[in-house]
């Protein structure tokens, strides 16, 4: 702010010098003002770079957390595929597996929110993220439906498609 007020003061001095026909003084004032503007421009560029770096660091940290959550989701989904395969339809653990799948869907909603926020800030990944998110949501619903219908083979297939999309 100090520099801005100094620049304004120099402009005023230059204007007054021109009005008073003191061209030499006006020229010096304009030159000084030009230097001050260049300094201000450099400071603003430096501040912008700093802000951009901070934003990039935040994106990297968000991305690391997101990747951790996605990896955890993928491993839990893989474990659930094996659990569903190892249990008969009449076993009480089958219902537990359905509950676990439902909980995984809830966990994925947090991941989805994070991914959508990140893709909003990074347009280069927006299309790919939206495509995979659509597939994952669809497959999660199909997995739960097939588990409720006690169709183990279809649920395993849908779980594998789901994992593939999550890993992409």
C-alpha atoms as a PDB file:
ATOM      1  CA  UNK A   1       0.000   0.000   0.000  1.00  0.00           C
ATOM      2  CA  UNK A   2       2.873   2.314   0.764  1.00  0.00           C
ATOM      3  CA  UNK A   3       4.149   1.840  -2.770  1.00  0.00           C
ATOM      4  CA  UNK A   4       0.727   2.462  -4.265  1.00  0.00           C
ATOM      5  CA  UNK A   5       0.372   5.737  -2.363  1.00  0.00           C
ATOM      6  CA  UNK A   6       3.893   6.698  -3.460  1.00  0.00           C
ATOM      7  CA  UNK A   7       2.987   5.955  -7.078  1.00  0.00           C
ATOM      8  CA  UNK A   8      -0.154   8.068  -6.765  1.00  0.00           C
ATOM      9  CA  UNK A   9       1.878  10.867  -5.212  1.00  0.00           C
ATOM     10  CA  UNK A  10       4.410  10.703  -8.065  1.00  0.00           C
ATOM     11  CA  UNK A  11       1.602  10.835 -10.620  1.00  0.00           C
ATOM     12  CA  UNK A  12       0.179  13.886  -8.887  1.00  0.00           C
ATOM     13  CA  UNK A  13       3.615  15.555  -8.813  1.00  0.00           C
ATOM     14  CA  UNK A  14       4.098  14.765 -12.491  1.00  0.00           C
ATOM     15  CA  UNK A  15       0.690  16.171 -13.334  1.00  0.00           C
ATOM     16  CA  UNK A  16       1.369  19.369 -11.381  1.00  0.00           C
ATOM     17  CA  UNK A  17       4.766  19.765 -13.023  1.00  0.00           C
ATOM     18  CA  UNK A  18       3.203  19.430 -16.451  1.00  0.00           C
ATOM     19  CA  UNK A  19       0.573  21.987 -15.552  1.00  0.00           C
ATOM     20  CA  UNK A  20       3.256  24.357 -14.317  1.00  0.00           C
ATOM     21  CA  UNK A  21       5.291  23.796 -17.496  1.00  0.00           C
ATOM     22  CA  UNK A  22       8.156  22.163 -15.569  1.00  0.00           C
ATOM     23  CA  UNK A  23       8.778  19.410 -18.074  1.00  0.00           C
ATOM     24  CA  UNK A  24      12.173  18.400 -16.689  1.00  0.00           C
ATOM     25  CA  UNK A  25      10.764  17.834 -13.197  1.00  0.00           C
ATOM     26  CA  UNK A  26       7.740  16.102 -14.696  1.00  0.00           C
ATOM     27  CA  UNK A  27       9.984  13.769 -16.702  1.00  0.00           C
ATOM     28  CA  UNK A  28      11.956  12.818 -13.564  1.00  0.00           C
ATOM     29  CA  UNK A  29       8.737  12.222 -11.701  1.00  0.00           C
ATOM     30  CA  UNK A  30       7.387  10.021 -14.480  1.00  0.00           C
ATOM     31  CA  UNK A  31      10.626   8.041 -14.589  1.00  0.00           C
ATOM     32  CA  UNK A  32      10.490   7.511 -10.839  1.00  0.00           C
ATOM     33  CA  UNK A  33       6.878   6.486 -11.135  1.00  0.00           C
ATOM     34  CA  UNK A  34       7.718   4.004 -13.873  1.00  0.00           C
ATOM     35  CA  UNK A  35      10.366   2.381 -11.663  1.00  0.00           C
ATOM     36  CA  UNK A  36       7.916   2.191  -8.772  1.00  0.00           C
ATOM     37  CA  UNK A  37       5.334   0.554 -11.029  1.00  0.00           C
ATOM     38  CA  UNK A  38       7.889  -1.996 -12.200  1.00  0.00           C
ATOM     39  CA  UNK A  39       8.794  -2.803  -8.590  1.00  0.00           C
ATOM     40  CA  UNK A  40       5.128  -3.176  -7.702  1.00  0.00           C
ATOM     41  CA  UNK A  41       4.613  -5.434 -10.714  1.00  0.00           C
ATOM     42  CA  UNK A  42       7.512  -7.667  -9.639  1.00  0.00           C
ATOM     43  CA  UNK A  43       6.146  -7.897  -6.100  1.00  0.00           C
ATOM     44  CA  UNK A  44       2.696  -8.797  -7.395  1.00  0.00           C
ATOM     45  CA  UNK A  45       4.180 -11.463  -9.674  1.00  0.00           C
ATOM     46  CA  UNK A  46       6.116 -12.854  -6.741  1.00  0.00           C
ATOM     47  CA  UNK A  47       2.973 -12.944  -4.617  1.00  0.00           C
ATOM     48  CA  UNK A  48       1.046 -14.686  -7.405  1.00  0.00           C
ATOM     49  CA  UNK A  49       3.773 -17.312  -7.755  1.00  0.00           C
ATOM     50  CA  UNK A  50       3.723 -17.888  -4.020  1.00  0.00           C
ATOM     51  CA  UNK A  51      -0.056 -18.300  -4.019  1.00  0.00           C
ATOM     52  CA  UNK A  52       0.116 -20.705  -6.975  1.00  0.00           C
ATOM     53  CA  UNK A  53       2.789 -22.789  -5.230  1.00  0.00           C
ATOM     54  CA  UNK A  54       0.707 -22.910  -2.075  1.00  0.00           C
ATOM     55  CA  UNK A  55      -2.294 -24.034  -4.118  1.00  0.00           C
ATOM     56  CA  UNK A  56      -0.202 -26.724  -5.808  1.00  0.00           C
ATOM     57  CA  UNK A  57       1.037 -27.960  -2.427  1.00  0.00           C
ATOM     58  CA  UNK A  58      -2.549 -28.152  -1.181  1.00  0.00           C
ATOM     59  CA  UNK A  59      -3.538 -30.065  -4.325  1.00  0.00           C
ATOM     60  CA  UNK A  60      -0.666 -32.502  -3.774  1.00  0.00           C
ATOM     61  CA  UNK A  61      -1.654 -33.063  -0.148  1.00  0.00           C
ATOM     62  CA  UNK A  62      -5.309 -33.524  -1.134  1.00  0.00           C
ATOM     63  CA  UNK A  63      -4.236 -35.933  -3.843  1.00  0.00           C
ATOM     64  CA  UNK A  64      -2.135 -37.986  -1.411  1.00  0.00           C
ATOM     65  CA  UNK A  65      -5.059 -38.276   1.020  1.00  0.00           C
ATOM     66  CA  UNK A  66      -7.369 -39.161  -1.822  1.00  0.00           C
ATOM     67  CA  UNK A  67      -5.014 -41.839  -3.121  1.00  0.00           C
ATOM     68  CA  UNK A  68      -4.727 -43.327   0.371  1.00  0.00           C
ATOM     69  CA  UNK A  69      -8.510 -43.490   0.616  1.00  0.00           C
ATOM     70  CA  UNK A  70      -8.829 -45.000  -2.870  1.00  0.00           C
ATOM     71  CA  UNK A  71      -6.206 -47.648  -2.116  1.00  0.00           C
ATOM     72  CA  UNK A  72      -7.926 -48.509   1.159  1.00  0.00           C
ATOM     73  CA  UNK A  73     -11.272 -48.702  -0.654  1.00  0.00           C
ATOM     74  CA  UNK A  74      -9.778 -50.946  -3.339  1.00  0.00           C
ATOM     75  CA  UNK A  75      -8.264 -53.357  -0.797  1.00  0.00           C
ATOM     76  CA  UNK A  76     -11.472 -53.484   1.207  1.00  0.00           C
ATOM     77  CA  UNK A  77     -13.445 -54.158  -1.978  1.00  0.00           C
ATOM     78  CA  UNK A  78     -11.025 -56.920  -2.950  1.00  0.00           C
ATOM     79  CA  UNK A  79     -11.340 -58.504   0.502  1.00  0.00           C
ATOM     80  CA  UNK A  80     -15.091 -58.349   0.145  1.00  0.00           C
ATOM     81  CA  UNK A  81     -14.951 -60.119  -3.232  1.00  0.00           C
ATOM     82  CA  UNK A  82     -13.157 -63.024  -1.573  1.00  0.00           C
ATOM     83  CA  UNK A  83     -15.511 -62.957   1.411  1.00  0.00           C
ATOM     84  CA  UNK A  84     -18.571 -63.143  -0.859  1.00  0.00           C
ATOM     85  CA  UNK A  85     -16.989 -66.012  -2.808  1.00  0.00           C
ATOM     86  CA  UNK A  86     -16.278 -68.004   0.340  1.00  0.00           C
ATOM     87  CA  UNK A  87     -19.767 -67.779   1.844  1.00  0.00           C
ATOM     88  CA  UNK A  88     -22.916 -69.565   0.802  1.00  0.00           C
ATOM     89  CA  UNK A  89     -26.133 -67.658   0.246  1.00  0.00           C
ATOM     90  CA  UNK A  90     -27.709 -69.118   3.372  1.00  0.00           C
ATOM     91  CA  UNK A  91     -24.779 -68.323   5.678  1.00  0.00           C
ATOM     92  CA  UNK A  92     -25.415 -65.439   8.136  1.00  0.00           C
ATOM     93  CA  UNK A  93     -22.043 -64.000   7.088  1.00  0.00           C
ATOM     94  CA  UNK A  94     -23.574 -63.346   3.686  1.00  0.00           C
ATOM     95  CA  UNK A  95     -25.759 -60.655   5.243  1.00  0.00           C
ATOM     96  CA  UNK A  96     -22.684 -59.227   6.974  1.00  0.00           C
ATOM     97  CA  UNK A  97     -21.003 -59.001   3.577  1.00  0.00           C
ATOM     98  CA  UNK A  98     -24.005 -57.114   2.218  1.00  0.00           C
ATOM     99  CA  UNK A  99     -23.699 -54.676   5.123  1.00  0.00           C
ATOM    100  CA  UNK A 100     -19.964 -54.296   4.467  1.00  0.00           C
ATOM    101  CA  UNK A 101     -20.670 -53.559   0.814  1.00  0.00           C
ATOM    102  CA  UNK A 102     -23.186 -50.929   1.826  1.00  0.00           C
ATOM    103  CA  UNK A 103     -20.627 -49.374   4.187  1.00  0.00           C
ATOM    104  CA  UNK A 104     -18.091 -49.321   1.359  1.00  0.00           C
ATOM    105  CA  UNK A 105     -20.576 -47.426  -0.755  1.00  0.00           C
ATOM    106  CA  UNK A 106     -20.906 -44.851   2.043  1.00  0.00           C
ATOM    107  CA  UNK A 107     -17.132 -44.576   2.323  1.00  0.00           C
ATOM    108  CA  UNK A 108     -16.909 -44.070  -1.398  1.00  0.00           C
ATOM    109  CA  UNK A 109     -19.233 -41.078  -1.208  1.00  0.00           C
ATOM    110  CA  UNK A 110     -16.498 -39.227   0.706  1.00  0.00           C
ATOM    111  CA  UNK A 111     -13.953 -40.256  -1.917  1.00  0.00           C
ATOM    112  CA  UNK A 112     -16.340 -39.133  -4.648  1.00  0.00           C
ATOM    113  CA  UNK A 113     -16.743 -35.690  -3.072  1.00  0.00           C
ATOM    114  CA  UNK A 114     -12.973 -35.300  -2.831  1.00  0.00           C
ATOM    115  CA  UNK A 115     -12.423 -36.465  -6.399  1.00  0.00           C
ATOM    116  CA  UNK A 116     -15.043 -34.129  -7.780  1.00  0.00           C
ATOM    117  CA  UNK A 117     -13.578 -31.185  -5.854  1.00  0.00           C
ATOM    118  CA  UNK A 118     -10.085 -32.030  -7.087  1.00  0.00           C
ATOM    119  CA  UNK A 119     -11.221 -32.487 -10.678  1.00  0.00           C
ATOM    120  CA  UNK A 120     -12.954 -29.116 -10.455  1.00  0.00           C
ATOM    121  CA  UNK A 121      -9.618 -27.502  -9.626  1.00  0.00           C
ATOM    122  CA  UNK A 122      -7.671 -29.527 -12.202  1.00  0.00           C
ATOM    123  CA  UNK A 123      -9.583 -29.477 -15.493  1.00  0.00           C
ATOM    124  CA  UNK A 124      -7.185 -31.923 -17.176  1.00  0.00           C
ATOM    125  CA  UNK A 125      -8.569 -34.814 -15.103  1.00  0.00           C
ATOM    126  CA  UNK A 126     -12.215 -33.751 -15.101  1.00  0.00           C
ATOM    127  CA  UNK A 127     -13.455 -35.959 -17.962  1.00  0.00           C
ATOM    128  CA  UNK A 128     -11.655 -39.096 -16.804  1.00  0.00           C
ATOM    129  CA  UNK A 129     -12.783 -38.639 -13.208  1.00  0.00           C
ATOM    130  CA  UNK A 130     -16.410 -38.095 -14.200  1.00  0.00           C
ATOM    131  CA  UNK A 131     -16.377 -41.189 -16.427  1.00  0.00           C
ATOM    132  CA  UNK A 132     -14.936 -43.432 -13.719  1.00  0.00           C
ATOM    133  CA  UNK A 133     -17.200 -41.944 -11.042  1.00  0.00           C
ATOM    134  CA  UNK A 134     -20.239 -42.746 -13.149  1.00  0.00           C
ATOM    135  CA  UNK A 135     -19.076 -46.336 -13.633  1.00  0.00           C
ATOM    136  CA  UNK A 136     -18.263 -46.795  -9.958  1.00  0.00           C
ATOM    137  CA  UNK A 137     -21.610 -45.471  -8.766  1.00  0.00           C
ATOM    138  CA  UNK A 138     -23.461 -47.645 -11.251  1.00  0.00           C
ATOM    139  CA  UNK A 139     -21.473 -50.751 -10.333  1.00  0.00           C
ATOM    140  CA  UNK A 140     -21.862 -50.123  -6.593  1.00  0.00           C
ATOM    141  CA  UNK A 141     -25.619 -50.079  -7.036  1.00  0.00           C
ATOM    142  CA  UNK A 142     -25.536 -53.223  -9.187  1.00  0.00           C
ATOM    143  CA  UNK A 143     -23.328 -55.029  -6.668  1.00  0.00           C
ATOM    144  CA  UNK A 144     -25.725 -54.252  -3.844  1.00  0.00           C
ATOM    145  CA  UNK A 145     -28.720 -55.301  -5.938  1.00  0.00           C
ATOM    146  CA  UNK A 146     -27.061 -58.577  -6.957  1.00  0.00           C
ATOM    147  CA  UNK A 147     -26.086 -59.273  -3.344  1.00  0.00           C
ATOM    148  CA  UNK A 148     -29.657 -58.640  -2.220  1.00  0.00           C
ATOM    149  CA  UNK A 149     -30.824 -61.025  -4.957  1.00  0.00           C
ATOM    150  CA  UNK A 150     -28.178 -63.476  -3.690  1.00  0.00           C
ATOM    151  CA  UNK A 151     -26.629 -63.677  -7.144  1.00  0.00           C
ATOM    152  CA  UNK A 152     -23.029 -64.313  -6.109  1.00  0.00           C
ATOM    153  CA  UNK A 153     -21.512 -64.722  -9.577  1.00  0.00           C
ATOM    154  CA  UNK A 154     -23.010 -61.441 -10.833  1.00  0.00           C
ATOM    155  CA  UNK A 155     -21.981 -59.600  -7.662  1.00  0.00           C
ATOM    156  CA  UNK A 156     -18.377 -60.839  -8.019  1.00  0.00           C
ATOM    157  CA  UNK A 157     -18.292 -59.685 -11.644  1.00  0.00           C
ATOM    158  CA  UNK A 158     -19.695 -56.268 -10.755  1.00  0.00           C
ATOM    159  CA  UNK A 159     -17.285 -55.957  -7.817  1.00  0.00           C
ATOM    160  CA  UNK A 160     -14.361 -56.590 -10.156  1.00  0.00           C
ATOM    161  CA  UNK A 161     -15.588 -53.953 -12.631  1.00  0.00           C
ATOM    162  CA  UNK A 162     -16.011 -51.614  -9.671  1.00  0.00           C
ATOM    163  CA  UNK A 163     -12.451 -52.261  -8.488  1.00  0.00           C
ATOM    164  CA  UNK A 164     -11.059 -51.694 -11.974  1.00  0.00           C
ATOM    165  CA  UNK A 165     -12.768 -48.307 -12.217  1.00  0.00           C
ATOM    166  CA  UNK A 166     -11.640 -47.355  -8.715  1.00  0.00           C
ATOM    167  CA  UNK A 167      -8.068 -48.292  -9.595  1.00  0.00           C
ATOM    168  CA  UNK A 168      -8.202 -46.247 -12.782  1.00  0.00           C
END
